[in-house]
Amino acid sequence: MVEHNARLGRRTVLTGLGAGMASLAGCSTIASDSSENEIRIGTIHPPMELDPIVATDVGSLQTIARVFDGLYTYDDGTDVVPQIATGTPSVADDGRRITVELDAAARFQNGEPVTASDVQYSFEAPQKEDTPSQWLVSPIETVDTVDEQTVRFQLEQPYPAFEHALTYPIIPKDVRETDREGFASDPIGAGPYRVRSFSEEKKADLTRWENYWGEPAPALDRVTFAYVESPITQLMGLVTGQSDVIEPISPRFRRDITDITDAMIAERPGFRSFYFGFNCNEGPTVERAVREGIVRCIDLEKLVEQFVEPVGSRQYSLLPRDVADEWNLPVEKWAAAVPPKDINEAKARFEEAPVSVGKLTILTSKHPVWKELAYALAAGLREAGQSVLVNPVSWKKYLELSVTGSAKNYAVFVGEIAGNGDPDSFLYPVFHENTQGGTNGIFYNEEDVMSQLLEARQTTDRDRRRARYEAAITRLHEEQVYVPVCSFKNSFAHKSNLKNFRVHPIAGLNPRVTRPDGAISVEGR
């Protein structure tokens, strides 16, 4: 097993950077600064899938947001504004019936008009195909086409987060149904950029759609999302000109990046949460005593200080601190209830467990911070006398394995949820039994918690929702079903010649190459 290295210091970083640059100096693939009207984004989140019906990972969604438009999109915050829709939806039947008019000018990239039938298909397909994204549209009972330019949604119950569902990408029914497999890598949307080429888990290359029907028009000719696994390679790409933008900024380099590059930093608190999830379906972590032992093997405050700050911060529930505070949830009470690291107490919990713990597998992607978290937990478990295997796998493999509930795949996994600011977008996909095997790899089934989460998405009374979220989160913490770790800023470093560069709190929208009030451009182009 390769020994896991501790966090690099400033001198090590700079030395490694210099050596790396020297080794790359003669490489023909490195682009020098140019006046070309394009950007290359070196990202740690690779695009995996370009079909919005299926995709849920941040890397895929960032590409999808350039290719597809929704009925609505977001302003600079979490309020929705019309995109394919002509205006505000009309609401009736106590919030259960929503009618949306479509812009007659809206077109897909094959020249065909966007119709109500395409909207109907886009919202029905996730449920019919039982895809991971179905949780967002599951409150919809029916979608009806009133006419070619009008669609009507009927909800089973009032859904307070339905405005977020209305941002779902709209897909040309006939094109996708003709070749679903091909659509996943060469899709057609109604957005400002077309797919030029796509390589799963490596790169998505987009080109401006000259006949884009909407506003504002895209300013860049070409946008490329390229996967870069190592933060040091990512930084070197920015220095050498191979990348115009990198994201996210590594915690290791945040304090150094402006000293060793001429890049500008753009960051904003985001709706992203990292956590340890326990397999409550199979294996030793089904037992609460085992989960309690694992929790006592790690000092999360120290871990976040060492591996996450200053681009992220400690949090005490699945909700980012800003979201929890906005909902007046008892964060301090939850923080006070976190057990400290105590190896002797951990050993006692393991001994109390009615099962043999055996070897514990910690599943993680190859995301650098995720691996740091996994290895830190493994070190504590070994200190408590447990046998541990850390299994960093490719993003594709991670997305497959982390929702199986199989003990052979994981006892613990490092997880991430990127929400939209509403508590439902964090809690329901991670914990509710209806999402098991799709976005939920925890498989916890306590009936009271399931009821609380479901009831919270079926009432528009904010106080009732808050009470149900508080009850559900408190119970999840009592049962030690998961361990909240931190939230991350959405952080970018970009060349100074990029203008109108904005960061949005919703991770999948970034970087906002186009947005309702402008577009990223290259100075002088």
Protein backbone atom coordinates (compact mmCIF):
# COMPACT_ATOMS: atom_id res chain seq x y z
CA MET A 1 0.00 0.00 0.00
CA VAL A 2 1.28 3.45 -0.88
CA GLU A 3 1.92 5.46 2.27
CA HIS A 4 -0.38 8.46 2.56
CA ASN A 5 1.50 11.73 2.83
CA ALA A 6 0.64 14.48 5.26
CA ARG A 7 -0.34 17.89 4.00
CA LEU A 8 2.35 19.64 2.01
CA GLY A 9 3.91 22.81 3.36
CA ARG A 10 4.44 26.01 1.42
CA ARG A 11 8.11 25.27 0.63
CA THR A 12 7.29 21.75 -0.60
CA VAL A 13 4.53 23.11 -2.79
CA LEU A 14 6.73 25.72 -4.39
CA THR A 15 9.61 23.28 -4.89
CA GLY A 16 7.30 20.72 -6.46
CA LEU A 17 5.75 23.35 -8.69
CA GLY A 18 9.14 24.48 -9.95
CA ALA A 19 10.23 20.93 -10.69
CA GLY A 20 6.98 20.17 -12.44
CA MET A 21 7.21 23.26 -14.61
CA ALA A 22 10.73 22.37 -15.62
CA SER A 23 9.68 18.89 -16.66
CA LEU A 24 6.82 20.28 -18.74
CA ALA A 25 8.75 23.10 -20.36
CA GLY A 26 9.18 21.37 -23.69
CA CYS A 27 5.77 19.80 -23.90
CA SER A 28 3.91 20.81 -27.05
CA THR A 29 0.50 20.35 -25.46
CA ILE A 30 0.98 23.35 -23.20
CA ALA A 31 -0.67 26.43 -24.59
CA SER A 32 0.87 29.80 -24.08
CA ASP A 33 -1.23 32.86 -23.34
CA SER A 34 -3.15 33.70 -26.49
CA SER A 35 -5.82 36.03 -27.72
CA GLU A 36 -8.12 33.17 -28.66
CA ASN A 37 -11.66 33.63 -27.50
CA GLU A 38 -11.91 30.46 -25.44
CA ILE A 39 -11.26 29.07 -21.99
CA ARG A 40 -10.03 25.76 -20.66
CA ILE A 41 -11.14 24.81 -17.16
CA GLY A 42 -8.92 22.39 -15.25
CA THR A 43 -11.26 20.68 -12.82
CA ILE A 44 -11.09 17.95 -10.21
CA HIS A 45 -14.73 17.09 -11.02
CA PRO A 46 -14.73 15.27 -14.37
CA PRO A 47 -17.81 15.19 -16.60
CA MET A 48 -19.23 11.68 -16.43
CA GLU A 49 -22.51 11.79 -18.31
CA LEU A 50 -24.20 14.47 -20.43
CA ASP A 51 -27.77 13.18 -20.26
CA PRO A 52 -29.62 15.34 -17.68
CA ILE A 53 -32.13 12.56 -17.06
CA VAL A 54 -29.34 10.43 -15.58
CA ALA A 55 -26.58 12.76 -14.35
CA THR A 56 -26.32 13.90 -10.72
CA ASP A 57 -22.59 14.55 -10.22
CA VAL A 58 -21.23 18.09 -10.18
CA GLY A 59 -18.76 17.58 -13.03
CA SER A 60 -21.49 16.46 -15.40
CA LEU A 61 -23.95 19.12 -14.29
CA GLN A 62 -21.43 21.89 -14.97
CA THR A 63 -21.27 20.84 -18.61
CA ILE A 64 -24.99 20.17 -18.86
CA ALA A 65 -25.76 23.71 -17.65
CA ARG A 66 -23.96 25.09 -20.73
CA VAL A 67 -25.74 22.82 -23.23
CA PHE A 68 -29.28 22.79 -21.87
CA ASP A 69 -31.73 25.48 -20.80
CA GLY A 70 -34.54 24.93 -18.33
CA LEU A 71 -37.94 26.54 -18.03
CA TYR A 72 -36.29 28.72 -15.41
CA THR A 73 -32.78 29.41 -14.23
CA TYR A 74 -31.30 31.18 -11.23
CA ASP A 75 -30.41 34.80 -10.75
CA ASP A 76 -27.25 35.60 -8.82
CA GLY A 77 -28.75 33.81 -5.82
CA THR A 78 -31.46 31.17 -5.45
CA ASP A 79 -34.42 33.05 -6.90
CA VAL A 80 -35.56 31.65 -10.24
CA VAL A 81 -36.04 33.74 -13.39
CA PRO A 82 -37.56 32.75 -16.77
CA GLN A 83 -35.42 31.04 -19.35
CA ILE A 84 -37.56 28.95 -21.74
CA ALA A 85 -40.66 30.12 -19.86
CA THR A 86 -42.15 33.48 -20.82
CA GLY A 87 -42.79 34.67 -17.27
CA THR A 88 -43.90 33.73 -13.78
CA PRO A 89 -45.88 30.47 -13.59
CA SER A 90 -49.54 30.64 -12.64
CA VAL A 91 -50.45 28.71 -9.50
CA ALA A 92 -53.82 27.26 -8.48
CA ASP A 93 -55.37 24.50 -6.35
CA ASP A 94 -53.54 25.62 -3.20
CA GLY A 95 -50.17 25.32 -4.91
CA ARG A 96 -50.85 21.94 -6.50
CA ARG A 97 -51.43 23.11 -10.07
CA ILE A 98 -48.71 25.10 -11.85
CA THR A 99 -49.04 26.31 -15.43
CA VAL A 100 -46.11 27.54 -17.49
CA GLU A 101 -46.13 29.28 -20.87
CA LEU A 102 -43.18 28.63 -23.20
CA ASP A 103 -41.30 31.19 -25.27
CA ALA A 104 -42.27 30.56 -28.89
CA ALA A 105 -38.75 31.55 -29.96
CA ALA A 106 -37.08 28.75 -27.97
CA ARG A 107 -35.22 26.29 -30.16
CA PHE A 108 -33.11 23.20 -29.75
CA GLN A 109 -29.70 23.06 -31.39
CA ASN A 110 -31.12 21.04 -34.31
CA GLY A 111 -33.41 23.96 -35.13
CA GLU A 112 -36.58 22.33 -33.83
CA PRO A 113 -38.86 24.34 -31.51
CA VAL A 114 -39.09 23.53 -27.82
CA THR A 115 -42.63 22.26 -27.26
CA ALA A 116 -44.80 21.38 -24.30
CA SER A 117 -44.36 17.70 -25.24
CA ASP A 118 -40.60 18.06 -24.75
CA VAL A 119 -41.18 19.62 -21.33
CA GLN A 120 -43.60 16.84 -20.41
CA TYR A 121 -41.06 14.22 -21.43
CA SER A 122 -38.22 15.91 -19.54
CA PHE A 123 -40.13 15.80 -16.25
CA GLU A 124 -41.66 12.34 -16.71
CA ALA A 125 -38.58 10.44 -17.89
CA PRO A 126 -36.65 10.47 -14.57
CA GLN A 127 -39.54 8.78 -12.79
CA LYS A 128 -40.41 6.35 -15.57
CA GLU A 129 -36.77 5.31 -15.89
CA ASP A 130 -36.13 5.45 -12.13
CA THR A 131 -32.94 7.46 -12.56
CA PRO A 132 -30.94 9.01 -9.69
CA SER A 133 -32.36 12.46 -10.47
CA GLN A 134 -35.97 11.35 -10.01
CA TRP A 135 -36.10 12.60 -6.41
CA LEU A 136 -36.28 16.21 -7.63
CA VAL A 137 -39.39 15.68 -9.76
CA SER A 138 -41.05 12.90 -7.76
CA PRO A 139 -43.69 15.20 -6.17
CA ILE A 140 -45.20 15.70 -9.63
CA GLU A 141 -48.35 13.62 -10.13
CA THR A 142 -49.00 14.48 -13.78
CA VAL A 143 -47.60 16.70 -16.52
CA ASP A 144 -50.14 17.76 -19.16
CA THR A 145 -49.71 19.61 -22.45
CA VAL A 146 -52.44 22.25 -22.67
CA ASP A 147 -51.19 23.24 -26.13
CA GLU A 148 -47.86 23.37 -27.95
CA GLN A 149 -46.66 26.29 -25.83
CA THR A 150 -48.33 25.54 -22.48
CA VAL A 151 -47.57 22.88 -19.90
CA ARG A 152 -49.40 22.15 -16.67
CA PHE A 153 -48.00 20.37 -13.61
CA GLN A 154 -50.27 18.72 -11.06
CA LEU A 155 -48.65 17.93 -7.71
CA GLU A 156 -49.80 15.30 -5.23
CA GLN A 157 -49.19 17.79 -2.42
CA PRO A 158 -47.90 21.35 -2.30
CA TYR A 159 -44.15 21.09 -2.85
CA PRO A 160 -42.37 24.11 -1.36
CA ALA A 161 -39.20 23.50 -3.39
CA PHE A 162 -40.98 23.13 -6.73
CA GLU A 163 -39.48 26.34 -8.10
CA HIS A 164 -36.10 24.57 -7.99
CA ALA A 165 -37.53 21.62 -9.93
CA LEU A 166 -38.59 24.07 -12.65
CA THR A 167 -34.91 24.69 -13.43
CA TYR A 168 -34.61 21.07 -14.66
CA PRO A 169 -33.05 20.92 -18.17
CA ILE A 170 -35.47 20.52 -21.07
CA ILE A 171 -34.66 17.72 -23.51
CA PRO A 172 -35.82 17.06 -27.09
CA LYS A 173 -37.94 13.94 -26.72
CA ASP A 174 -37.54 12.59 -30.26
CA VAL A 175 -33.75 12.99 -30.30
CA ARG A 176 -33.17 11.23 -26.98
CA GLU A 177 -35.64 8.43 -27.68
CA THR A 178 -33.98 7.73 -31.02
CA ASP A 179 -30.64 6.96 -29.35
CA ARG A 180 -30.44 7.23 -25.55
CA GLU A 181 -26.91 5.86 -25.40
CA GLY A 182 -25.66 8.30 -28.00
CA PHE A 183 -27.48 11.17 -26.33
CA ALA A 184 -25.42 10.64 -23.16
CA SER A 185 -22.23 11.66 -24.98
CA ASP A 186 -23.52 13.80 -27.86
CA PRO A 187 -26.68 15.51 -26.65
CA ILE A 188 -28.74 18.30 -28.13
CA GLY A 189 -30.16 20.97 -25.87
CA ALA A 190 -31.57 24.46 -26.10
CA GLY A 191 -28.59 26.12 -24.38
CA PRO A 192 -25.87 28.45 -25.71
CA TYR A 193 -23.16 25.79 -26.25
CA ARG A 194 -23.06 22.61 -28.31
CA VAL A 195 -20.97 19.53 -27.56
CA ARG A 196 -17.95 19.40 -29.83
CA SER A 197 -16.48 16.27 -28.25
CA PHE A 198 -16.82 14.31 -25.04
CA SER A 199 -14.62 11.75 -23.30
CA GLU A 200 -16.13 10.18 -20.21
CA GLU A 201 -14.27 11.07 -17.02
CA LYS A 202 -11.74 13.10 -19.02
CA LYS A 203 -13.03 16.07 -21.00
CA ALA A 204 -16.02 17.90 -22.43
CA ASP A 205 -15.28 20.30 -25.28
CA LEU A 206 -18.05 22.79 -26.09
CA THR A 207 -18.43 25.28 -28.89
CA ARG A 208 -20.67 28.31 -29.11
CA TRP A 209 -24.03 27.79 -30.79
CA GLU A 210 -24.15 30.71 -33.18
CA ASN A 211 -27.92 30.55 -33.52
CA TYR A 212 -28.70 30.56 -29.80
CA TRP A 213 -32.23 31.89 -29.44
CA GLY A 214 -31.93 33.32 -25.91
CA GLU A 215 -30.22 36.20 -24.14
CA PRO A 216 -27.54 37.03 -23.38
CA ALA A 217 -25.62 35.62 -26.32
CA PRO A 218 -22.51 33.62 -25.34
CA ALA A 219 -19.29 35.63 -25.66
CA LEU A 220 -16.76 32.76 -25.73
CA ASP A 221 -16.24 30.68 -28.86
CA ARG A 222 -15.21 27.57 -26.97
CA VAL A 223 -15.32 26.19 -23.43
CA THR A 224 -13.47 23.04 -22.35
CA PHE A 225 -13.83 21.18 -19.06
CA ALA A 226 -10.74 18.99 -18.56
CA TYR A 227 -10.23 16.59 -15.65
CA VAL A 228 -7.03 17.11 -13.67
CA GLU A 229 -6.57 14.61 -10.85
CA SER A 230 -3.71 16.28 -8.95
CA PRO A 231 -3.90 19.76 -7.38
CA ILE A 232 -0.23 20.39 -8.17
CA THR A 233 -0.82 19.55 -11.84
CA GLN A 234 -3.90 21.72 -11.78
CA LEU A 235 -1.90 24.66 -10.48
CA MET A 236 0.90 24.10 -12.99
CA GLY A 237 -1.68 24.20 -15.76
CA LEU A 238 -2.69 27.67 -14.66
CA VAL A 239 0.91 28.89 -14.42
CA THR A 240 1.97 27.50 -17.81
CA GLY A 241 -1.14 28.64 -19.67
CA GLN A 242 -2.56 25.17 -20.26
CA SER A 243 -5.61 26.18 -18.22
CA ASP A 244 -7.35 29.53 -18.03
CA VAL A 245 -9.39 28.53 -14.99
CA ILE A 246 -8.94 25.93 -12.27
CA GLU A 247 -11.52 24.69 -9.79
CA PRO A 248 -11.78 24.04 -6.97
CA ILE A 249 -8.81 25.77 -5.38
CA SER A 250 -6.91 23.26 -3.28
CA PRO A 251 -6.76 24.11 0.44
CA ARG A 252 -3.02 23.50 0.14
CA PHE A 253 -2.56 26.35 -2.32
CA ARG A 254 -5.17 28.93 -1.37
CA ARG A 255 -2.71 31.12 0.53
CA ASP A 256 0.02 30.75 -2.10
CA ILE A 257 -1.78 30.93 -5.42
CA THR A 258 -1.61 34.69 -5.93
CA ASP A 259 2.11 34.66 -5.06
CA ILE A 260 3.08 32.10 -7.68
CA THR A 261 0.59 33.06 -10.41
CA ASP A 262 -0.97 36.26 -11.70
CA ALA A 263 -4.41 34.68 -11.38
CA MET A 264 -7.42 36.19 -9.71
CA ILE A 265 -9.41 34.29 -7.10
CA ALA A 266 -13.19 34.10 -7.28
CA GLU A 267 -14.99 32.25 -4.52
CA ARG A 268 -18.32 32.18 -2.79
CA PRO A 269 -19.90 30.10 -0.02
CA GLY A 270 -21.60 27.18 -1.71
CA PHE A 271 -24.28 24.61 -1.06
CA ARG A 272 -21.96 21.61 -0.81
CA SER A 273 -21.57 19.25 2.11
CA PHE A 274 -19.01 16.53 2.74
CA TYR A 275 -19.77 13.69 5.14
CA PHE A 276 -18.94 10.13 6.15
CA GLY A 277 -21.85 7.82 5.38
CA PHE A 278 -22.29 4.47 7.11
CA ASN A 279 -23.60 1.36 5.39
CA CYS A 280 -26.76 0.62 7.39
CA ASN A 281 -27.83 -2.11 4.98
CA GLU A 282 -25.14 -4.77 5.36
CA GLY A 283 -22.05 -5.50 7.40
CA PRO A 284 -20.82 -4.43 10.83
CA THR A 285 -21.93 -0.78 10.51
CA VAL A 286 -25.54 -1.92 10.65
CA GLU A 287 -24.86 -2.04 14.40
CA ARG A 288 -25.06 1.31 16.16
CA ALA A 289 -22.25 0.37 18.56
CA VAL A 290 -19.85 -0.03 15.63
CA ARG A 291 -20.86 3.33 14.19
CA GLU A 292 -20.38 4.93 17.62
CA GLY A 293 -16.91 3.41 17.82
CA ILE A 294 -15.94 4.75 14.39
CA VAL A 295 -17.14 8.27 15.22
CA ARG A 296 -14.83 8.32 18.27
CA CYS A 297 -11.77 7.52 16.17
CA ILE A 298 -11.42 10.95 14.57
CA ASP A 299 -10.97 14.56 15.62
CA LEU A 300 -13.07 16.37 13.06
CA GLU A 301 -12.17 19.87 14.23
CA LYS A 302 -8.48 19.15 13.69
CA LEU A 303 -9.17 17.35 10.43
CA VAL A 304 -11.04 20.32 8.95
CA GLU A 305 -8.41 22.76 10.16
CA GLN A 306 -5.66 20.67 8.58
CA PHE A 307 -7.19 19.59 5.27
CA VAL A 308 -10.13 21.89 4.49
CA GLU A 309 -9.57 25.45 5.69
CA PRO A 310 -9.45 28.11 4.30
CA VAL A 311 -11.64 27.00 1.36
CA GLY A 312 -14.16 25.28 3.59
CA SER A 313 -15.35 25.10 7.17
CA ARG A 314 -16.62 22.66 9.76
CA GLN A 315 -20.33 21.95 9.84
CA TYR A 316 -22.50 20.02 12.24
CA SER A 317 -25.29 18.68 10.06
CA LEU A 318 -25.71 17.82 6.41
CA LEU A 319 -26.88 21.39 5.84
CA PRO A 320 -24.24 24.05 5.16
CA ARG A 321 -24.03 26.48 8.07
CA ASP A 322 -25.64 29.34 6.12
CA VAL A 323 -28.65 27.16 5.28
CA ALA A 324 -29.00 25.87 8.84
CA ASP A 325 -28.79 29.39 10.24
CA GLU A 326 -31.35 30.72 7.75
CA TRP A 327 -33.75 28.05 8.97
CA ASN A 328 -32.97 28.78 12.61
CA LEU A 329 -31.88 25.22 13.29
CA PRO A 330 -30.02 24.34 16.52
CA VAL A 331 -26.50 24.11 15.14
CA GLU A 332 -24.82 24.82 18.48
CA LYS A 333 -26.78 22.04 20.16
CA TRP A 334 -25.72 19.62 17.46
CA ALA A 335 -22.11 20.81 17.72
CA ALA A 336 -22.08 20.27 21.49
CA ALA A 337 -23.34 16.70 21.02
CA VAL A 338 -20.41 15.64 18.81
CA PRO A 339 -18.36 13.07 20.73
CA PRO A 340 -14.65 13.91 21.02
CA LYS A 341 -11.97 11.60 19.73
CA ASP A 342 -11.48 8.94 22.40
CA ILE A 343 -9.68 5.77 21.34
CA ASN A 344 -10.38 3.94 24.58
CA GLU A 345 -14.08 4.71 24.30
CA ALA A 346 -14.00 3.63 20.66
CA LYS A 347 -12.47 0.29 21.63
CA ALA A 348 -15.17 -0.17 24.25
CA ARG A 349 -17.91 0.44 21.66
CA PHE A 350 -16.35 -2.08 19.27
CA GLU A 351 -16.18 -4.66 22.06
CA GLU A 352 -19.85 -4.06 22.93
CA ALA A 353 -20.97 -4.69 19.35
CA PRO A 354 -22.88 -7.95 18.90
CA VAL A 355 -20.94 -8.71 15.70
CA SER A 356 -17.32 -9.09 14.74
CA VAL A 357 -16.14 -5.85 13.18
CA GLY A 358 -13.66 -7.45 10.79
CA LYS A 359 -11.97 -5.38 8.09
CA LEU A 360 -13.66 -2.05 7.48
CA THR A 361 -13.61 -0.72 3.92
CA ILE A 362 -13.70 3.05 3.41
CA LEU A 363 -14.81 3.92 -0.11
CA THR A 364 -13.76 7.22 -1.64
CA SER A 365 -13.34 8.83 -5.02
CA LYS A 366 -9.91 10.11 -6.03
CA HIS A 367 -10.85 13.67 -5.09
CA PRO A 368 -7.80 14.87 -3.11
CA VAL A 369 -9.74 16.13 -0.09
CA TRP A 370 -11.94 13.05 -0.02
CA LYS A 371 -8.84 10.87 0.15
CA GLU A 372 -7.42 13.02 2.97
CA LEU A 373 -10.63 12.46 4.94
CA ALA A 374 -10.63 8.73 4.29
CA TYR A 375 -7.01 8.20 5.30
CA ALA A 376 -7.42 10.30 8.42
CA LEU A 377 -10.37 8.17 9.54
CA ALA A 378 -8.43 5.00 8.71
CA ALA A 379 -5.52 6.14 10.90
CA GLY A 380 -7.85 6.58 13.86
CA LEU A 381 -9.45 3.19 13.32
CA ARG A 382 -6.06 1.49 13.22
CA GLU A 383 -5.17 3.31 16.42
CA ALA A 384 -8.25 1.64 17.92
CA GLY A 385 -7.02 -1.76 16.78
CA GLN A 386 -9.23 -2.16 13.72
CA SER A 387 -8.28 -3.49 10.31
CA VAL A 388 -9.05 -0.95 7.57
CA LEU A 389 -8.88 -0.76 3.80
CA VAL A 390 -9.12 2.63 2.08
CA ASN A 391 -10.35 2.15 -1.47
CA PRO A 392 -9.92 5.23 -3.71
CA VAL A 393 -11.61 4.48 -7.04
CA SER A 394 -12.34 6.32 -10.26
CA TRP A 395 -15.33 8.65 -10.30
CA LYS A 396 -17.32 6.25 -12.46
CA LYS A 397 -16.64 3.36 -10.12
CA TYR A 398 -17.40 5.51 -7.08
CA LEU A 399 -20.78 6.56 -8.42
CA GLU A 400 -21.62 2.91 -9.05
CA LEU A 401 -20.38 1.43 -5.77
CA SER A 402 -21.34 4.12 -3.26
CA VAL A 403 -25.09 3.50 -3.58
CA THR A 404 -25.10 -0.31 -3.62
CA GLY A 405 -25.49 -0.87 0.12
CA SER A 406 -23.15 -3.84 -0.29
CA ALA A 407 -20.81 -4.67 2.59
CA LYS A 408 -18.17 -5.89 0.15
CA ASN A 409 -18.04 -2.38 -1.36
CA TYR A 410 -18.01 -0.23 1.78
CA ALA A 411 -18.64 0.01 5.48
CA VAL A 412 -18.05 3.76 5.28
CA PHE A 413 -17.98 6.05 2.28
CA VAL A 414 -16.88 9.64 1.86
CA GLY A 415 -19.88 11.44 0.44
CA GLU A 416 -20.82 14.80 -0.99
CA ILE A 417 -24.16 16.42 -1.66
CA ALA A 418 -24.49 19.60 -3.71
CA GLY A 419 -27.86 21.20 -3.03
CA ASN A 420 -29.75 24.29 -4.12
CA GLY A 421 -30.19 26.04 -0.77
CA ASP A 422 -33.44 24.38 0.26
CA PRO A 423 -32.98 21.77 3.04
CA ASP A 424 -34.94 19.26 0.97
CA SER A 425 -32.18 19.21 -1.66
CA PHE A 426 -29.69 17.91 0.92
CA LEU A 427 -31.71 15.68 3.22
CA TYR A 428 -34.16 13.92 0.94
CA PRO A 429 -31.68 12.57 -1.67
CA VAL A 430 -29.17 11.45 0.96
CA PHE A 431 -31.46 9.86 3.55
CA HIS A 432 -34.95 9.06 2.30
CA GLU A 433 -35.68 5.42 1.54
CA ASN A 434 -37.16 6.34 -1.87
CA THR A 435 -33.69 7.38 -3.06
CA GLN A 436 -31.82 4.25 -1.96
CA GLY A 437 -29.61 2.93 -4.73
CA GLY A 438 -29.85 6.22 -6.62
CA THR A 439 -28.38 9.00 -4.48
CA ASN A 440 -28.65 7.30 -1.10
CA GLY A 441 -25.93 4.83 -0.12
CA ILE A 442 -26.72 4.84 3.61
CA PHE A 443 -29.90 2.70 3.55
CA TYR A 444 -31.22 3.84 6.92
CA ASN A 445 -34.93 3.06 7.24
CA GLU A 446 -36.33 4.34 10.53
CA GLU A 447 -39.98 5.11 9.83
CA ASP A 448 -40.18 8.30 11.89
CA VAL A 449 -37.26 9.88 10.05
CA MET A 450 -38.70 8.91 6.66
CA SER A 451 -42.05 10.45 7.64
CA GLN A 452 -40.42 13.68 8.82
CA LEU A 453 -38.50 14.10 5.58
CA LEU A 454 -41.56 13.37 3.45
CA GLU A 455 -43.87 15.63 5.43
CA ALA A 456 -41.35 18.49 5.20
CA ARG A 457 -41.65 18.47 1.40
CA GLN A 458 -45.45 18.35 1.50
CA THR A 459 -46.20 21.55 3.36
CA THR A 460 -45.52 25.19 2.57
CA ASP A 461 -45.65 26.14 6.26
CA ARG A 462 -42.03 27.08 6.99
CA ASP A 463 -42.33 26.56 10.76
CA ARG A 464 -43.70 23.05 10.25
CA ARG A 465 -40.93 22.28 7.79
CA ARG A 466 -38.29 23.57 10.20
CA ALA A 467 -39.67 21.45 13.04
CA ARG A 468 -39.59 18.31 10.91
CA TYR A 469 -36.07 18.95 9.70
CA GLU A 470 -34.88 19.54 13.25
CA ALA A 471 -36.49 16.30 14.43
CA ALA A 472 -35.10 14.27 11.52
CA ILE A 473 -31.54 15.63 11.77
CA THR A 474 -31.45 15.21 15.55
CA ARG A 475 -32.55 11.58 15.25
CA LEU A 476 -30.01 10.87 12.49
CA HIS A 477 -27.31 12.24 14.78
CA GLU A 478 -28.51 10.18 17.75
CA GLU A 479 -28.36 7.07 15.61
CA GLN A 480 -24.90 8.06 14.26
CA VAL A 481 -26.10 7.25 10.74
CA TYR A 482 -23.59 9.63 9.21
CA VAL A 483 -20.89 12.08 10.27
CA PRO A 484 -21.13 15.63 8.89
CA VAL A 485 -17.67 16.98 8.18
CA CYS A 486 -17.55 20.28 6.30
CA SER A 487 -18.93 22.54 3.64
CA PHE A 488 -16.87 24.01 0.81
CA LYS A 489 -16.82 27.30 -0.96
CA ASN A 490 -17.20 27.24 -4.71
CA SER A 491 -13.70 28.46 -5.52
CA PHE A 492 -11.93 29.32 -8.76
CA ALA A 493 -8.63 30.81 -9.84
CA HIS A 494 -8.75 32.40 -13.28
CA LYS A 495 -6.60 34.48 -15.60
CA SER A 496 -6.95 38.19 -15.12
CA ASN A 497 -8.02 38.74 -18.74
CA LEU A 498 -11.36 37.02 -18.11
CA LYS A 499 -14.10 39.54 -17.57
CA ASN A 500 -17.49 39.17 -15.88
CA PHE A 501 -16.37 36.01 -14.08
CA ARG A 502 -19.00 35.21 -11.46
CA VAL A 503 -19.36 32.35 -8.99
CA HIS A 504 -22.76 30.97 -8.03
CA PRO A 505 -23.59 29.19 -4.75
CA ILE A 506 -25.08 26.24 -6.67
CA ALA A 507 -22.08 24.16 -7.74
CA GLY A 508 -23.51 22.74 -10.96
CA LEU A 509 -24.01 26.20 -12.47
CA ASN A 510 -20.34 27.14 -12.26
CA PRO A 511 -18.61 28.82 -13.82
CA ARG A 512 -21.49 30.89 -15.16
CA VAL A 513 -20.26 31.26 -18.71
CA THR A 514 -23.61 32.88 -19.43
CA ARG A 515 -26.09 34.12 -16.86
CA PRO A 516 -29.23 36.29 -16.96
CA ASP A 517 -27.27 39.55 -16.70
CA GLY A 518 -24.12 38.85 -18.72
CA ALA A 519 -21.45 36.44 -19.92
CA ILE A 520 -17.77 35.65 -19.35
CA SER A 521 -15.56 37.18 -22.01
CA VAL A 522 -11.87 37.46 -22.84
CA GLU A 523 -10.58 41.01 -22.64
CA GLY A 524 -10.07 42.48 -26.10
CA ARG A 525 -12.16 39.84 -27.83
